[in-house]
């Protein structure tokens, strides 16, 4: 049973939610996000509260009901993240560890020197901004939680942290447990 979807989502001031067909559009001060709902679900907006509801309350199988309640919770969580994105935005912080490993911005491109024979260039997708406050720190910001996380994961994947030395790209709050080296 989905506990997330049972509680109404509050809509803050300055956020506009519209339904067009099977799409939900959330507008706020930072921008606009859109999601397509499954045809089994609908949204109800009462004053400043939103609920995701199932169109068909009765299902033939219990397994279908479980799947439907799980999807209802997923859509509720996605809509809450959209509301948070258009009001506050999302941010992921990466840290680069290693001698000679560094990052820099050239125009809109992120240039990473991570021990390979060539520098790696990353152009952020639309709606994502990348900042390099220090050569060993990278900040990724945007209104779409999925896109911010995807760009951060893509950068981290280029040089994952080594379990023995700790070198590589890691999230700022990530803890790397180092292994003991080979004993001679």
N, C-alpha and C. Protein backbone atom coordinates (compact mmCIF):
# COMPACT_ATOMS: atom_id res chain seq x y z
N UNK A 1 0.83 -1.18 0.00
CA UNK A 1 0.00 0.00 0.00
C UNK A 1 0.88 1.24 0.00
N UNK A 2 0.58 2.15 -0.87
CA UNK A 2 1.38 3.36 -1.00
C UNK A 2 1.00 4.36 0.09
N UNK A 3 1.96 4.68 0.94
CA UNK A 3 1.72 5.66 1.98
C UNK A 3 2.00 7.08 1.46
N UNK A 4 2.83 7.17 0.44
CA UNK A 4 3.19 8.47 -0.12
C UNK A 4 1.98 9.11 -0.80
N UNK A 5 1.25 8.30 -1.57
CA UNK A 5 0.13 8.84 -2.35
C UNK A 5 -1.10 9.12 -1.49
N UNK A 6 -1.15 8.58 -0.27
CA UNK A 6 -2.31 8.82 0.58
C UNK A 6 -2.32 10.22 1.18
N UNK A 7 -1.14 10.84 1.29
CA UNK A 7 -1.06 12.19 1.83
C UNK A 7 -1.12 13.20 0.68
N UNK A 8 -1.93 14.25 0.81
CA UNK A 8 -2.01 15.23 -0.28
C UNK A 8 -0.71 16.03 -0.42
N UNK A 9 -0.41 16.41 -1.64
CA UNK A 9 0.75 17.23 -1.95
C UNK A 9 0.33 18.69 -1.90
N UNK A 10 1.02 19.48 -1.09
CA UNK A 10 0.67 20.90 -1.01
C UNK A 10 1.33 21.64 -2.16
N UNK A 11 0.58 22.52 -2.75
CA UNK A 11 1.08 23.34 -3.86
C UNK A 11 1.44 24.70 -3.29
N UNK A 12 2.74 25.08 -3.29
CA UNK A 12 3.12 26.38 -2.74
C UNK A 12 2.68 27.54 -3.63
N UNK A 13 2.69 28.74 -3.06
CA UNK A 13 2.34 29.94 -3.83
C UNK A 13 3.37 30.14 -4.92
N UNK A 14 2.92 30.57 -6.08
CA UNK A 14 3.83 30.82 -7.19
C UNK A 14 4.01 29.61 -8.11
N UNK A 15 3.37 28.49 -7.78
CA UNK A 15 3.45 27.29 -8.61
C UNK A 15 2.10 27.07 -9.27
N UNK A 16 2.12 26.89 -10.59
CA UNK A 16 0.90 26.69 -11.36
C UNK A 16 0.93 25.28 -11.95
N UNK A 17 -0.12 24.50 -11.68
CA UNK A 17 -0.21 23.14 -12.20
C UNK A 17 -1.41 23.06 -13.13
N UNK A 18 -1.15 22.61 -14.38
CA UNK A 18 -2.21 22.47 -15.37
C UNK A 18 -2.22 21.03 -15.88
N UNK A 19 -3.41 20.58 -16.26
CA UNK A 19 -3.55 19.26 -16.86
C UNK A 19 -4.04 19.44 -18.28
N UNK A 20 -3.27 18.90 -19.25
CA UNK A 20 -3.65 18.95 -20.65
C UNK A 20 -3.65 17.53 -21.18
N UNK A 21 -4.83 16.97 -21.35
CA UNK A 21 -4.93 15.58 -21.79
C UNK A 21 -4.38 14.66 -20.71
N UNK A 22 -3.37 13.87 -21.03
CA UNK A 22 -2.73 12.99 -20.05
C UNK A 22 -1.43 13.59 -19.53
N UNK A 23 -1.16 14.84 -19.84
CA UNK A 23 0.07 15.50 -19.40
C UNK A 23 -0.21 16.45 -18.25
N UNK A 24 0.78 16.55 -17.35
CA UNK A 24 0.72 17.50 -16.25
C UNK A 24 1.88 18.46 -16.42
N UNK A 25 1.58 19.76 -16.40
CA UNK A 25 2.60 20.79 -16.57
C UNK A 25 2.70 21.59 -15.28
N UNK A 26 3.92 21.66 -14.74
CA UNK A 26 4.17 22.39 -13.49
C UNK A 26 5.05 23.59 -13.84
N UNK A 27 4.55 24.80 -13.54
CA UNK A 27 5.29 26.03 -13.80
C UNK A 27 5.62 26.72 -12.50
N UNK A 28 6.84 27.25 -12.42
CA UNK A 28 7.25 27.98 -11.24
C UNK A 28 8.24 29.07 -11.61
N UNK A 29 8.88 29.65 -10.60
CA UNK A 29 9.80 30.76 -10.86
C UNK A 29 11.06 30.31 -11.60
N UNK A 30 11.47 29.03 -11.45
CA UNK A 30 12.69 28.54 -12.11
C UNK A 30 12.45 27.97 -13.50
N UNK A 31 11.21 27.67 -13.85
CA UNK A 31 10.96 27.12 -15.17
C UNK A 31 9.70 26.28 -15.22
N UNK A 32 9.67 25.35 -16.17
CA UNK A 32 8.49 24.54 -16.43
C UNK A 32 8.91 23.09 -16.65
N UNK A 33 8.17 22.16 -16.06
CA UNK A 33 8.40 20.74 -16.23
C UNK A 33 7.10 20.06 -16.65
N UNK A 34 7.23 18.94 -17.38
CA UNK A 34 6.07 18.25 -17.90
C UNK A 34 6.24 16.74 -17.71
N UNK A 35 5.16 16.06 -17.37
CA UNK A 35 5.16 14.60 -17.25
C UNK A 35 3.88 14.07 -17.87
N UNK A 36 3.97 12.90 -18.50
CA UNK A 36 2.81 12.23 -19.05
C UNK A 36 2.36 11.15 -18.08
N UNK A 37 1.10 11.24 -17.63
CA UNK A 37 0.54 10.25 -16.72
C UNK A 37 0.08 9.02 -17.48
N UNK A 38 0.05 7.90 -16.79
CA UNK A 38 -0.51 6.67 -17.34
C UNK A 38 -2.03 6.87 -17.43
N UNK A 39 -2.68 6.17 -18.34
CA UNK A 39 -4.11 6.37 -18.52
C UNK A 39 -4.95 5.85 -17.35
N UNK A 40 -4.32 5.10 -16.42
CA UNK A 40 -5.05 4.59 -15.25
C UNK A 40 -5.21 5.65 -14.17
N UNK A 41 -4.48 6.76 -14.27
CA UNK A 41 -4.43 7.73 -13.19
C UNK A 41 -4.93 9.10 -13.63
N UNK A 42 -5.34 9.87 -12.63
CA UNK A 42 -5.79 11.23 -12.84
C UNK A 42 -5.37 12.04 -11.62
N UNK A 43 -5.39 13.37 -11.73
CA UNK A 43 -5.06 14.20 -10.57
C UNK A 43 -6.28 15.02 -10.18
N UNK A 44 -6.40 15.23 -8.87
CA UNK A 44 -7.44 16.09 -8.34
C UNK A 44 -6.77 17.25 -7.62
N UNK A 45 -7.17 18.48 -7.98
CA UNK A 45 -6.61 19.67 -7.36
C UNK A 45 -7.73 20.38 -6.60
N UNK A 46 -7.59 20.46 -5.27
CA UNK A 46 -8.53 21.18 -4.41
C UNK A 46 -7.77 22.29 -3.71
N UNK A 47 -8.10 23.53 -4.05
CA UNK A 47 -7.44 24.71 -3.50
C UNK A 47 -5.92 24.62 -3.69
N UNK A 48 -5.16 24.31 -2.62
CA UNK A 48 -3.71 24.24 -2.78
C UNK A 48 -3.19 22.83 -2.47
N UNK A 49 -4.01 21.80 -2.71
CA UNK A 49 -3.60 20.42 -2.49
C UNK A 49 -3.86 19.60 -3.74
N UNK A 50 -2.96 18.65 -3.98
CA UNK A 50 -3.03 17.80 -5.17
C UNK A 50 -3.00 16.35 -4.73
N UNK A 51 -3.81 15.52 -5.37
CA UNK A 51 -3.82 14.08 -5.11
C UNK A 51 -3.80 13.33 -6.43
N UNK A 52 -3.01 12.27 -6.50
CA UNK A 52 -3.02 11.37 -7.64
C UNK A 52 -4.00 10.26 -7.31
N UNK A 53 -5.01 10.06 -8.15
CA UNK A 53 -6.04 9.06 -7.89
C UNK A 53 -6.11 8.07 -9.05
N UNK A 54 -6.58 6.87 -8.73
CA UNK A 54 -6.77 5.84 -9.76
C UNK A 54 -8.13 6.04 -10.39
N UNK A 55 -8.20 5.89 -11.71
CA UNK A 55 -9.49 6.04 -12.39
C UNK A 55 -10.37 4.83 -12.11
N UNK A 56 -9.81 3.65 -12.16
CA UNK A 56 -10.61 2.45 -11.88
C UNK A 56 -10.26 1.96 -10.48
N UNK A 57 -11.21 2.06 -9.57
CA UNK A 57 -10.94 1.68 -8.19
C UNK A 57 -10.99 0.17 -7.99
N UNK A 58 -11.66 -0.53 -8.88
CA UNK A 58 -11.75 -1.97 -8.76
C UNK A 58 -10.91 -2.63 -9.85
N UNK A 59 -10.16 -3.64 -9.45
CA UNK A 59 -9.36 -4.38 -10.40
C UNK A 59 -9.69 -5.85 -10.24
N UNK A 60 -9.49 -6.62 -11.30
CA UNK A 60 -9.83 -8.03 -11.25
C UNK A 60 -8.85 -8.85 -10.41
N UNK A 61 -7.60 -8.43 -10.40
CA UNK A 61 -6.57 -9.19 -9.68
C UNK A 61 -5.94 -8.34 -8.60
N UNK A 62 -5.52 -9.02 -7.54
CA UNK A 62 -4.86 -8.33 -6.44
C UNK A 62 -3.48 -7.83 -6.88
N UNK A 63 -2.80 -8.59 -7.76
CA UNK A 63 -1.48 -8.17 -8.24
C UNK A 63 -1.57 -6.87 -9.04
N UNK A 64 -2.66 -6.69 -9.76
CA UNK A 64 -2.85 -5.44 -10.50
C UNK A 64 -3.07 -4.26 -9.55
N UNK A 65 -3.78 -4.50 -8.45
CA UNK A 65 -4.00 -3.44 -7.46
C UNK A 65 -2.69 -3.02 -6.81
N UNK A 66 -1.82 -4.00 -6.50
CA UNK A 66 -0.52 -3.68 -5.90
C UNK A 66 0.31 -2.83 -6.85
N UNK A 67 0.31 -3.22 -8.11
CA UNK A 67 1.07 -2.47 -9.11
C UNK A 67 0.51 -1.05 -9.26
N UNK A 68 -0.82 -0.94 -9.24
CA UNK A 68 -1.46 0.35 -9.40
C UNK A 68 -1.16 1.28 -8.22
N UNK A 69 -1.18 0.76 -6.98
CA UNK A 69 -0.88 1.60 -5.83
C UNK A 69 0.59 2.00 -5.82
N UNK A 70 1.48 1.10 -6.26
CA UNK A 70 2.90 1.44 -6.33
C UNK A 70 3.14 2.55 -7.36
N UNK A 71 2.49 2.45 -8.52
CA UNK A 71 2.63 3.49 -9.55
C UNK A 71 2.03 4.81 -9.08
N UNK A 72 0.95 4.74 -8.31
CA UNK A 72 0.34 5.96 -7.78
C UNK A 72 1.33 6.69 -6.87
N UNK A 73 2.04 5.95 -6.04
CA UNK A 73 3.06 6.54 -5.18
C UNK A 73 4.22 7.10 -5.97
N UNK A 74 4.60 6.40 -7.04
CA UNK A 74 5.69 6.86 -7.89
C UNK A 74 5.33 8.18 -8.56
N UNK A 75 4.13 8.27 -9.13
CA UNK A 75 3.71 9.51 -9.78
C UNK A 75 3.60 10.65 -8.78
N UNK A 76 3.12 10.36 -7.56
CA UNK A 76 3.05 11.39 -6.53
C UNK A 76 4.43 11.92 -6.20
N UNK A 77 5.40 11.01 -6.04
CA UNK A 77 6.77 11.41 -5.74
C UNK A 77 7.38 12.23 -6.87
N UNK A 78 7.13 11.83 -8.11
CA UNK A 78 7.65 12.57 -9.26
C UNK A 78 7.07 13.98 -9.31
N UNK A 79 5.77 14.11 -9.05
CA UNK A 79 5.13 15.43 -9.08
C UNK A 79 5.67 16.30 -7.95
N UNK A 80 5.90 15.73 -6.77
CA UNK A 80 6.50 16.50 -5.67
C UNK A 80 7.90 16.97 -6.02
N UNK A 81 8.68 16.12 -6.69
CA UNK A 81 10.02 16.53 -7.13
C UNK A 81 9.95 17.62 -8.19
N UNK A 82 8.92 17.58 -9.05
CA UNK A 82 8.75 18.63 -10.04
C UNK A 82 8.43 19.96 -9.36
N UNK A 83 7.58 19.92 -8.35
CA UNK A 83 7.23 21.14 -7.61
C UNK A 83 8.47 21.71 -6.92
N UNK A 84 9.25 20.83 -6.29
CA UNK A 84 10.47 21.29 -5.62
C UNK A 84 11.47 21.84 -6.64
N UNK A 85 11.54 21.22 -7.81
CA UNK A 85 12.48 21.66 -8.84
C UNK A 85 12.16 23.05 -9.37
N UNK A 86 10.88 23.34 -9.60
CA UNK A 86 10.54 24.66 -10.15
C UNK A 86 10.56 25.75 -9.09
N UNK A 87 10.59 25.38 -7.81
CA UNK A 87 10.68 26.39 -6.76
C UNK A 87 12.11 26.57 -6.25
N UNK A 88 12.77 25.47 -5.89
CA UNK A 88 14.11 25.54 -5.30
C UNK A 88 15.21 25.08 -6.26
N UNK A 89 14.96 24.05 -7.03
CA UNK A 89 15.97 23.46 -7.90
C UNK A 89 16.73 22.35 -7.18
N UNK A 90 17.52 21.61 -7.93
CA UNK A 90 18.31 20.51 -7.39
C UNK A 90 19.78 20.74 -7.68
N UNK A 91 20.63 20.18 -6.83
CA UNK A 91 22.07 20.35 -6.98
C UNK A 91 22.79 19.09 -6.55
N UNK A 92 23.77 18.69 -7.33
CA UNK A 92 24.67 17.58 -6.98
C UNK A 92 26.08 18.14 -6.98
N UNK A 93 26.86 17.79 -5.96
CA UNK A 93 28.23 18.26 -5.84
C UNK A 93 29.18 17.07 -5.96
N UNK A 94 30.17 17.22 -6.82
CA UNK A 94 31.18 16.19 -7.02
C UNK A 94 32.53 16.70 -6.56
N UNK A 95 33.37 15.78 -6.11
CA UNK A 95 34.73 16.11 -5.68
C UNK A 95 35.69 15.22 -6.46
N UNK A 96 36.78 15.82 -6.93
CA UNK A 96 37.79 15.10 -7.70
C UNK A 96 39.01 14.91 -6.81
N UNK A 97 39.41 13.65 -6.62
CA UNK A 97 40.55 13.33 -5.78
C UNK A 97 41.64 12.68 -6.64
N UNK A 98 42.86 13.15 -6.48
CA UNK A 98 43.99 12.57 -7.21
C UNK A 98 44.94 13.66 -7.67
N UNK A 99 46.21 13.32 -7.72
CA UNK A 99 47.23 14.28 -8.15
C UNK A 99 47.10 14.48 -9.66
N UNK A 100 46.97 15.74 -10.06
CA UNK A 100 46.85 16.06 -11.48
C UNK A 100 45.43 15.96 -12.00
N UNK A 101 44.48 15.48 -11.22
CA UNK A 101 43.10 15.41 -11.64
C UNK A 101 42.45 16.77 -11.38
N UNK A 102 41.80 17.33 -12.40
CA UNK A 102 41.18 18.63 -12.22
C UNK A 102 40.07 18.84 -13.25
N UNK A 103 39.27 19.84 -12.97
CA UNK A 103 38.18 20.22 -13.86
C UNK A 103 38.25 21.71 -14.12
N UNK A 104 37.77 22.13 -15.30
CA UNK A 104 37.69 23.55 -15.62
C UNK A 104 36.59 23.75 -16.65
N UNK A 105 36.08 24.96 -16.69
CA UNK A 105 35.04 25.31 -17.65
C UNK A 105 35.66 26.11 -18.80
N UNK A 106 35.29 25.75 -20.02
CA UNK A 106 35.65 26.53 -21.20
C UNK A 106 34.36 26.84 -21.93
N UNK A 107 33.88 28.05 -21.70
CA UNK A 107 32.59 28.43 -22.26
C UNK A 107 31.49 27.64 -21.56
N UNK A 108 30.78 26.82 -22.33
CA UNK A 108 29.70 26.00 -21.78
C UNK A 108 30.17 24.57 -21.51
N UNK A 109 31.38 24.22 -21.91
CA UNK A 109 31.87 22.85 -21.80
C UNK A 109 32.67 22.64 -20.52
N UNK A 110 32.52 21.46 -19.94
CA UNK A 110 33.31 21.04 -18.79
C UNK A 110 34.48 20.21 -19.31
N UNK A 111 35.70 20.62 -18.97
CA UNK A 111 36.91 19.90 -19.38
C UNK A 111 37.46 19.18 -18.16
N UNK A 112 37.59 17.86 -18.25
CA UNK A 112 38.09 17.05 -17.14
C UNK A 112 39.44 16.42 -17.51
N UNK A 113 40.42 16.59 -16.65
CA UNK A 113 41.70 15.91 -16.78
C UNK A 113 41.75 14.88 -15.65
N UNK A 114 41.56 13.62 -16.01
CA UNK A 114 41.44 12.57 -15.00
C UNK A 114 42.45 11.44 -15.19
N UNK A 115 43.63 11.77 -15.67
CA UNK A 115 44.67 10.76 -15.79
C UNK A 115 44.67 10.02 -17.11
N UNK A 116 43.77 10.32 -17.99
CA UNK A 116 43.78 9.71 -19.32
C UNK A 116 44.73 10.49 -20.22
N UNK A 117 45.02 9.96 -21.39
CA UNK A 117 45.95 10.62 -22.31
C UNK A 117 45.34 11.86 -22.96
N UNK A 118 44.04 12.05 -22.80
CA UNK A 118 43.36 13.19 -23.42
C UNK A 118 42.36 13.78 -22.42
N UNK A 119 42.09 15.06 -22.52
CA UNK A 119 41.05 15.65 -21.66
C UNK A 119 39.66 15.24 -22.16
N UNK A 120 38.73 15.14 -21.24
CA UNK A 120 37.37 14.73 -21.58
C UNK A 120 36.48 15.96 -21.54
N UNK A 121 35.72 16.18 -22.62
CA UNK A 121 34.81 17.32 -22.71
C UNK A 121 33.38 16.85 -22.52
N UNK A 122 32.65 17.57 -21.68
CA UNK A 122 31.24 17.26 -21.45
C UNK A 122 30.43 18.52 -21.67
N UNK A 123 29.46 18.44 -22.57
CA UNK A 123 28.54 19.54 -22.80
C UNK A 123 27.26 19.23 -22.06
N UNK A 124 26.83 20.07 -21.12
CA UNK A 124 25.62 19.76 -20.35
C UNK A 124 24.37 19.86 -21.21
N UNK A 125 23.38 19.02 -20.95
CA UNK A 125 22.12 19.13 -21.69
C UNK A 125 21.38 20.42 -21.33
N UNK A 126 20.35 20.72 -22.09
CA UNK A 126 19.58 21.94 -21.86
C UNK A 126 18.91 21.89 -20.50
N UNK A 127 18.98 22.97 -19.77
CA UNK A 127 18.37 23.05 -18.45
C UNK A 127 19.31 22.70 -17.31
N UNK A 128 20.53 22.28 -17.63
CA UNK A 128 21.52 21.91 -16.61
C UNK A 128 22.68 22.90 -16.68
N UNK A 129 23.08 23.41 -15.51
CA UNK A 129 24.25 24.29 -15.45
C UNK A 129 25.32 23.61 -14.61
N UNK A 130 26.56 23.74 -15.08
CA UNK A 130 27.70 23.16 -14.39
C UNK A 130 28.61 24.30 -13.96
N UNK A 131 29.03 24.27 -12.70
CA UNK A 131 29.96 25.27 -12.17
C UNK A 131 31.17 24.56 -11.59
N UNK A 132 32.33 25.21 -11.70
CA UNK A 132 33.58 24.69 -11.13
C UNK A 132 34.14 25.77 -10.21
N UNK A 133 33.75 25.76 -8.91
CA UNK A 133 34.25 26.78 -7.99
C UNK A 133 35.74 26.60 -7.67
N UNK A 134 36.21 25.36 -7.66
CA UNK A 134 37.62 25.03 -7.45
C UNK A 134 38.00 23.96 -8.47
N UNK A 135 39.29 23.79 -8.76
CA UNK A 135 39.67 22.77 -9.75
C UNK A 135 39.30 21.35 -9.35
N UNK A 136 39.03 21.11 -8.06
CA UNK A 136 38.68 19.76 -7.66
C UNK A 136 37.20 19.63 -7.23
N UNK A 137 36.38 20.61 -7.53
CA UNK A 137 34.96 20.56 -7.19
C UNK A 137 34.12 20.90 -8.42
N UNK A 138 33.01 20.16 -8.59
CA UNK A 138 32.09 20.38 -9.70
C UNK A 138 30.68 20.41 -9.13
N UNK A 139 29.92 21.46 -9.43
CA UNK A 139 28.54 21.59 -8.99
C UNK A 139 27.62 21.51 -10.20
N UNK A 140 26.61 20.64 -10.12
CA UNK A 140 25.65 20.46 -11.20
C UNK A 140 24.30 20.91 -10.67
N UNK A 141 23.65 21.85 -11.38
CA UNK A 141 22.37 22.41 -10.93
C UNK A 141 21.35 22.34 -12.05
N UNK A 142 20.07 22.23 -11.65
CA UNK A 142 18.98 22.22 -12.61
C UNK A 142 17.66 22.06 -11.91
N UNK A 143 16.56 22.09 -12.69
CA UNK A 143 15.24 21.96 -12.10
C UNK A 143 14.71 20.53 -12.19
N UNK A 144 15.28 19.71 -13.07
CA UNK A 144 14.84 18.33 -13.24
C UNK A 144 15.75 17.41 -12.44
N UNK A 145 15.20 16.77 -11.41
CA UNK A 145 16.00 15.92 -10.52
C UNK A 145 16.66 14.77 -11.28
N UNK A 146 15.92 14.17 -12.19
CA UNK A 146 16.45 13.04 -12.96
C UNK A 146 17.63 13.47 -13.83
N UNK A 147 17.50 14.59 -14.51
CA UNK A 147 18.56 15.05 -15.40
C UNK A 147 19.81 15.45 -14.62
N UNK A 148 19.66 16.10 -13.46
CA UNK A 148 20.81 16.48 -12.63
C UNK A 148 21.55 15.23 -12.16
N UNK A 149 20.80 14.25 -11.68
CA UNK A 149 21.41 13.01 -11.22
C UNK A 149 22.08 12.24 -12.34
N UNK A 150 21.50 12.28 -13.53
CA UNK A 150 22.06 11.56 -14.68
C UNK A 150 23.39 12.18 -15.12
N UNK A 151 23.46 13.50 -15.16
CA UNK A 151 24.71 14.17 -15.54
C UNK A 151 25.80 13.90 -14.49
N UNK A 152 25.43 13.95 -13.21
CA UNK A 152 26.40 13.68 -12.14
C UNK A 152 26.91 12.25 -12.22
N UNK A 153 26.01 11.30 -12.49
CA UNK A 153 26.42 9.90 -12.60
C UNK A 153 27.31 9.68 -13.82
N UNK A 154 27.03 10.40 -14.90
CA UNK A 154 27.85 10.28 -16.12
C UNK A 154 29.27 10.79 -15.86
N UNK A 155 29.40 11.91 -15.15
CA UNK A 155 30.73 12.45 -14.83
C UNK A 155 31.46 11.52 -13.88
N UNK A 156 30.76 10.98 -12.89
CA UNK A 156 31.38 10.08 -11.91
C UNK A 156 31.85 8.79 -12.60
N UNK A 157 31.11 8.33 -13.59
CA UNK A 157 31.42 7.07 -14.28
C UNK A 157 32.73 7.16 -15.07
N UNK A 158 33.15 8.37 -15.45
CA UNK A 158 34.37 8.52 -16.24
C UNK A 158 35.58 8.00 -15.48
N UNK A 159 35.65 8.31 -14.17
CA UNK A 159 36.75 7.80 -13.33
C UNK A 159 36.18 7.55 -11.94
N UNK A 160 35.65 6.35 -11.74
CA UNK A 160 35.08 6.00 -10.44
C UNK A 160 36.19 5.92 -9.39
N UNK A 161 35.86 6.18 -8.12
CA UNK A 161 36.89 6.14 -7.08
C UNK A 161 37.52 4.76 -6.95
N UNK A 162 38.84 4.75 -6.81
CA UNK A 162 39.59 3.52 -6.64
C UNK A 162 39.47 3.07 -5.19
N UNK A 163 39.24 1.79 -4.97
CA UNK A 163 39.06 1.27 -3.61
C UNK A 163 40.37 1.23 -2.83
N UNK A 164 41.50 1.26 -3.50
CA UNK A 164 42.79 1.17 -2.81
C UNK A 164 43.40 2.53 -2.53
N UNK A 165 43.33 3.45 -3.50
CA UNK A 165 43.95 4.77 -3.31
C UNK A 165 42.92 5.87 -3.04
N UNK A 166 41.67 5.66 -3.44
CA UNK A 166 40.64 6.68 -3.25
C UNK A 166 40.60 7.70 -4.36
N UNK A 167 41.47 7.57 -5.38
CA UNK A 167 41.48 8.54 -6.49
C UNK A 167 40.24 8.36 -7.36
N UNK A 168 39.80 9.46 -7.92
CA UNK A 168 38.67 9.42 -8.83
C UNK A 168 37.68 10.53 -8.55
N UNK A 169 36.50 10.41 -9.14
CA UNK A 169 35.43 11.38 -8.98
C UNK A 169 34.38 10.76 -8.06
N UNK A 170 34.04 11.47 -6.98
CA UNK A 170 33.04 10.97 -6.05
C UNK A 170 32.07 12.09 -5.69
N UNK A 171 30.91 11.68 -5.18
CA UNK A 171 29.97 12.67 -4.66
C UNK A 171 30.57 13.29 -3.41
N UNK A 172 30.23 14.52 -3.11
CA UNK A 172 30.83 15.24 -2.00
C UNK A 172 30.55 14.55 -0.66
N UNK A 173 29.34 14.01 -0.51
CA UNK A 173 28.99 13.35 0.75
C UNK A 173 29.22 11.84 0.74
N UNK A 174 29.81 11.32 -0.32
CA UNK A 174 30.07 9.88 -0.43
C UNK A 174 31.30 9.49 0.39
N UNK A 175 31.20 8.37 1.06
CA UNK A 175 32.32 7.87 1.86
C UNK A 175 32.93 6.68 1.12
N UNK A 176 34.22 6.78 0.84
CA UNK A 176 34.95 5.70 0.16
C UNK A 176 35.68 4.89 1.24
N UNK A 177 35.34 3.63 1.36
CA UNK A 177 36.03 2.76 2.30
C UNK A 177 37.19 2.12 1.56
N UNK A 178 38.39 2.48 1.99
CA UNK A 178 39.58 2.00 1.30
C UNK A 178 39.94 0.59 1.76
N UNK A 179 40.40 -0.21 0.81
CA UNK A 179 40.86 -1.56 1.10
C UNK A 179 42.33 -1.53 1.44
N UNK A 180 42.75 -2.51 2.17
CA UNK A 180 44.16 -2.63 2.49
C UNK A 180 44.88 -3.22 1.29
N UNK A 181 46.06 -2.70 1.00
CA UNK A 181 46.82 -3.19 -0.15
C UNK A 181 47.40 -4.56 0.07
N UNK A 182 48.06 -5.07 -0.96
CA UNK A 182 48.67 -6.39 -0.91
C UNK A 182 49.85 -6.40 0.06
N UNK A 183 49.94 -7.42 0.89
CA UNK A 183 51.05 -7.53 1.83
C UNK A 183 52.16 -8.38 1.22
N UNK A 184 53.39 -7.92 1.42
CA UNK A 184 54.53 -8.65 0.85
C UNK A 184 55.21 -9.46 1.91
